[in-house]
Amino acid sequence: MMTGRPTPLRADALPARVTTSDYHTAGEPFRIVTEGLPAIPGGSVLERRAAAQADPAIDVVRRLLVNEPRGHADMYGGFIVPPDDPGAHFGVLFWHKDGYSTACGHGTIALGTWAVQSGLVDASPDGDTDVVIDVPSGRVTARVTCSAGQVQHVAFRNVPAYVLGRDVEVQTPGGTVRVDLSYGGAIYASVPASALGLEVRPAHYADLLAAGRQIKWALQGTDWARHPGDPRLDGIYGTIIYEDLGREDGGVRQRNVTVFADGEVDRSPCGSGTSARLALLADDGTLGPADVLLHESVVGTRFVGRVVEPATVGSRAAVVSEVQGAAYRTGEHVFVLEPDDPVGLGFTLR
């Protein structure tokens, strides 16, 4: 279905050109805006997120890049903004077709890679370089590992992750299901695929997407959608539908599909979602102190997650997690909008 109608614009409504550097992390796209973004006011990344949400003159760039014909319904990207203070290299506003997210692990992996490859952050040609990034949910660190001057992989250390609820009943058009809720920079609901009568495979894509949307929206207006410390981080961001595949190579192996925003499907194993899963698995004892989570996506790509150390958030037990993956550059783009283009900012078909 069409979820956005073509929107004509005045010729002066956008910068003359918008340039991007595009990556994919484990199959999931991430479009980094490098030129053409208007100044975004605010004293922090979280404040700038609110400004971008509220100001059509800023949001117009997101809409241009995420909508067809320049993007698509599952496009993802980020605006580079100043950090909250000199302790970080830069900040980022994560965006998708429905707005601005509070966290994005696959994007953090892509940003670490881009920062080193572009020369924004000086890196050792052999060894590890930390790229510190302020995101709406807090400060994260992408540790970029290079060999012979080439990026090999990135492991990002996330904000603390923790359990919010267990065995929560959710009423959906398909019946009652029970989910676990956890936070990994955003709030996720986790449900076994078997509880839905499904498998995490491309052949079940449409049914997985529908079930993920139903669960998210059934929870969205409830107390489970409230962040315990900051209402600006409220909202059920996504549903993680997973399969337990047993143990392998000293770790727990699972496959998942994450349905986020309003029906976007993560092609990667979902970075912040992996953090949220680590909190649940550590809490119930499935993941031991020396274990890793071998986290596969619906297309067969993989992240490796681990718990680094215990933490607390207020009085709540939490974990500091690290998620490792790799990002690859797919192109450099210069986008324009011709004044007589009848589709203007474009449209989204789902």
Foldseek 3Di string as FASTA:
>chain_A
DWPFFFDADFQPLFPQKWKWWWKFFLRQIETETDDGADAQDDLAQLRSLVSCQVDCSRVLVVLLCCFPPNHAQQHKYWYWAAHNDVVALTEIWIAHNQGTAQDFQSNVFVVVQCCPVVVSDPDDQAAWDWHWYAGNLGIKIWIFGHHNNHTDKIKMWFDWKAWDAFQCWFQFPQGIAGWTWMFLSAIETEGEQVSVVHDLAPVCLVVVLVVWQRRQVSPFVDPSQADPPDRSRGGHFWYKYKDWPQDDDQATEMEIWIQGDRRHIGQFLTRSVLQNVQNVCVVVVVADQRYWYFYAYNVGGTKIKHFDAWDDDVNGTTTTMMIMTHMDTDDMDMDRADNPDRSHSHIYDD
